[in-house]
Each structure stands twice: as structure tokens, then as C-alpha cells.
C-alpha atoms as a PDB file:
ATOM      1  CA  UNK A   1       1.912 105.739  -6.987  1.00  0.00           C
ATOM      2  CA  UNK A   2       4.850 104.101  -8.797  1.00  0.00           C
ATOM      3  CA  UNK A   3       2.388 102.060 -10.824  1.00  0.00           C
ATOM      4  CA  UNK A   4       0.788 105.251 -12.184  1.00  0.00           C
ATOM      5  CA  UNK A   5       4.183 106.624 -13.189  1.00  0.00           C
ATOM      6  CA  UNK A   6       5.253 103.362 -14.834  1.00  0.00           C
ATOM      7  CA  UNK A   7       1.998 103.143 -16.779  1.00  0.00           C
ATOM      8  CA  UNK A   8       2.306 106.737 -17.955  1.00  0.00           C
ATOM      9  CA  UNK A   9       5.948 106.274 -18.941  1.00  0.00           C
ATOM     10  CA  UNK A  10       5.021 103.196 -20.973  1.00  0.00           C
ATOM     11  CA  UNK A  11       1.747 104.300 -22.532  1.00  0.00           C
ATOM     12  CA  UNK A  12       2.561 107.787 -23.840  1.00  0.00           C
ATOM     13  CA  UNK A  13       5.602 106.849 -25.954  1.00  0.00           C
ATOM     14  CA  UNK A  14       3.835 103.691 -27.139  1.00  0.00           C
ATOM     15  CA  UNK A  15       0.826 105.702 -28.314  1.00  0.00           C
ATOM     16  CA  UNK A  16       3.106 108.217 -30.047  1.00  0.00           C
ATOM     17  CA  UNK A  17       4.953 105.420 -31.801  1.00  0.00           C
ATOM     18  CA  UNK A  18       1.682 103.921 -33.067  1.00  0.00           C
ATOM     19  CA  UNK A  19       0.647 107.322 -34.412  1.00  0.00           C
ATOM     20  CA  UNK A  20       3.986 107.529 -36.205  1.00  0.00           C
ATOM     21  CA  UNK A  21       3.545 104.072 -37.742  1.00  0.00           C
ATOM     22  CA  UNK A  22       0.027 104.968 -38.913  1.00  0.00           C
ATOM     23  CA  UNK A  23       1.368 108.162 -40.503  1.00  0.00           C
ATOM     24  CA  UNK A  24       4.112 106.267 -42.289  1.00  0.00           C
ATOM     25  CA  UNK A  25       1.592 103.739 -43.566  1.00  0.00           C
ATOM     26  CA  UNK A  26      -0.651 106.515 -44.900  1.00  0.00           C
ATOM     27  CA  UNK A  27       2.315 108.234 -46.570  1.00  0.00           C
ATOM     28  CA  UNK A  28       3.344 104.982 -48.233  1.00  0.00           C
ATOM     29  CA  UNK A  29      -0.191 104.442 -49.515  1.00  0.00           C
ATOM     30  CA  UNK A  30      -0.421 107.992 -50.886  1.00  0.00           C
ATOM     31  CA  UNK A  31       2.944 107.625 -52.617  1.00  0.00           C
ATOM     32  CA  UNK A  32       1.767 104.474 -54.360  1.00  0.00           C
ATOM     33  CA  UNK A  33      -1.486 106.156 -55.399  1.00  0.00           C
ATOM     34  CA  UNK A  34       0.438 109.163 -56.738  1.00  0.00           C
ATOM     35  CA  UNK A  35       2.805 106.973 -58.741  1.00  0.00           C
ATOM     36  CA  UNK A  36      -0.136 105.077 -60.171  1.00  0.00           C
ATOM     37  CA  UNK A  37      -1.851 108.325 -61.230  1.00  0.00           C
ATOM     38  CA  UNK A  38       1.266 109.898 -62.755  1.00  0.00           C
ATOM     39  CA  UNK A  39       2.081 107.169 -65.237  1.00  0.00           C
ATOM     40  CA  UNK A  40       0.209 106.742 -68.496  1.00  0.00           C
ATOM     41  CA  UNK A  41      -2.440 103.988 -68.611  1.00  0.00           C
ATOM     42  CA  UNK A  42      -0.452 102.062 -71.196  1.00  0.00           C
ATOM     43  CA  UNK A  43       2.870 102.311 -69.351  1.00  0.00           C
ATOM     44  CA  UNK A  44       4.523  98.897 -69.075  1.00  0.00           C
ATOM     45  CA  UNK A  45       5.134  98.901 -65.290  1.00  0.00           C
ATOM     46  CA  UNK A  46       1.940 100.577 -64.109  1.00  0.00           C
ATOM     47  CA  UNK A  47       0.324  97.400 -62.759  1.00  0.00           C
ATOM     48  CA  UNK A  48       3.596  96.408 -61.105  1.00  0.00           C
ATOM     49  CA  UNK A  49       3.589  99.680 -59.170  1.00  0.00           C
ATOM     50  CA  UNK A  50       0.048  98.968 -58.019  1.00  0.00           C
ATOM     51  CA  UNK A  51       0.912  95.417 -56.890  1.00  0.00           C
ATOM     52  CA  UNK A  52       4.044  96.592 -55.074  1.00  0.00           C
ATOM     53  CA  UNK A  53       1.972  99.236 -53.293  1.00  0.00           C
ATOM     54  CA  UNK A  54      -0.607  96.671 -52.223  1.00  0.00           C
ATOM     55  CA  UNK A  55       2.088  94.356 -50.875  1.00  0.00           C
ATOM     56  CA  UNK A  56       3.729  97.254 -49.066  1.00  0.00           C
ATOM     57  CA  UNK A  57       0.403  98.107 -47.457  1.00  0.00           C
ATOM     58  CA  UNK A  58       0.014  94.498 -46.323  1.00  0.00           C
ATOM     59  CA  UNK A  59       3.487  94.635 -44.770  1.00  0.00           C
ATOM     60  CA  UNK A  60       2.584  97.822 -42.887  1.00  0.00           C
ATOM     61  CA  UNK A  61      -0.591  96.155 -41.606  1.00  0.00           C
ATOM     62  CA  UNK A  62       1.377  93.107 -40.446  1.00  0.00           C
ATOM     63  CA  UNK A  63       3.975  95.324 -38.756  1.00  0.00           C
ATOM     64  CA  UNK A  64       1.258  97.309 -36.999  1.00  0.00           C
ATOM     65  CA  UNK A  65      -0.485  94.134 -35.806  1.00  0.00           C
ATOM     66  CA  UNK A  66       2.764  92.680 -34.467  1.00  0.00           C
ATOM     67  CA  UNK A  67       3.416  95.879 -32.554  1.00  0.00           C
ATOM     68  CA  UNK A  68      -0.074  95.786 -31.072  1.00  0.00           C
ATOM     69  CA  UNK A  69       0.301  92.147 -30.108  1.00  0.00           C
ATOM     70  CA  UNK A  70       3.773  92.653 -28.673  1.00  0.00           C
ATOM     71  CA  UNK A  71       3.300  95.879 -26.761  1.00  0.00           C
ATOM     72  CA  UNK A  72      -0.294  96.944 -26.161  1.00  0.00           C
ATOM     73  CA  UNK A  73      -1.496  93.497 -25.183  1.00  0.00           C
ATOM     74  CA  UNK A  74       1.479  93.134 -22.847  1.00  0.00           C
ATOM     75  CA  UNK A  75       0.718  96.531 -21.340  1.00  0.00           C
ATOM     76  CA  UNK A  76      -2.940  95.596 -20.879  1.00  0.00           C
ATOM     77  CA  UNK A  77      -1.925  92.324 -19.229  1.00  0.00           C
ATOM     78  CA  UNK A  78       0.342  94.248 -16.883  1.00  0.00           C
ATOM     79  CA  UNK A  79      -2.464  96.681 -16.092  1.00  0.00           C
ATOM     80  CA  UNK A  80      -4.840  93.789 -15.467  1.00  0.00           C
ATOM     81  CA  UNK A  81      -2.905  93.120 -12.271  1.00  0.00           C
ATOM     82  CA  UNK A  82      -4.116  96.480 -10.938  1.00  0.00           C
ATOM     83  CA  UNK A  83      -7.863  96.794 -11.595  1.00  0.00           C
ATOM     84  CA  UNK A  84      -8.147 100.064  -9.640  1.00  0.00           C
ATOM     85  CA  UNK A  85      -5.700 101.759 -12.056  1.00  0.00           C
ATOM     86  CA  UNK A  86      -7.449 100.520 -15.186  1.00  0.00           C
ATOM     87  CA  UNK A  87     -10.694 102.143 -14.037  1.00  0.00           C
ATOM     88  CA  UNK A  88      -8.977 105.514 -13.743  1.00  0.00           C
END
């Protein structure tokens, strides 16, 4: 029974954290899109804003992937020791 409790205590906050990261990534992307729309087409720094937004999005993707690799894969490996729990 302790295994069920440990899995639950690890998985719920981890899932919530990933939802938070996804929300932050979406907010960052929408901010960049809004800034790009607000400025005039001939504004000097308009393309810079777009490039910065694209790089920021890449950083969010990298951060998300590192979190998946570092936590979810570790959790799945841990669960792999208990095949009866993974089925449930």
C-alpha cells in the first residue's frame, strides 16, 4: 500500500507542475504575438521581437523536455519495478 501512496504523492504534484509550465509557455508565446501585432510594420525592432519570441519558445521547449526526462522518465522507471501498480 505504501507504493500506491508514494506514487500518488509523486505523480499529482508533478502533473500540476507540468500544467503550470505549459501555461507559462503559452503565455510567453501570446505575449510575443501581441507585441508583434502592436508595433507598426516598419518599426525598427519588430523582427527582433519576433526572433526573441522564437528563441524564448525554444528555451521553454528545452526546459519542458528536460523536466520530462528528469522526472517523468524516472517515475516511470520506478513504477516499472511494480508491474501490478502500473496496470491500475
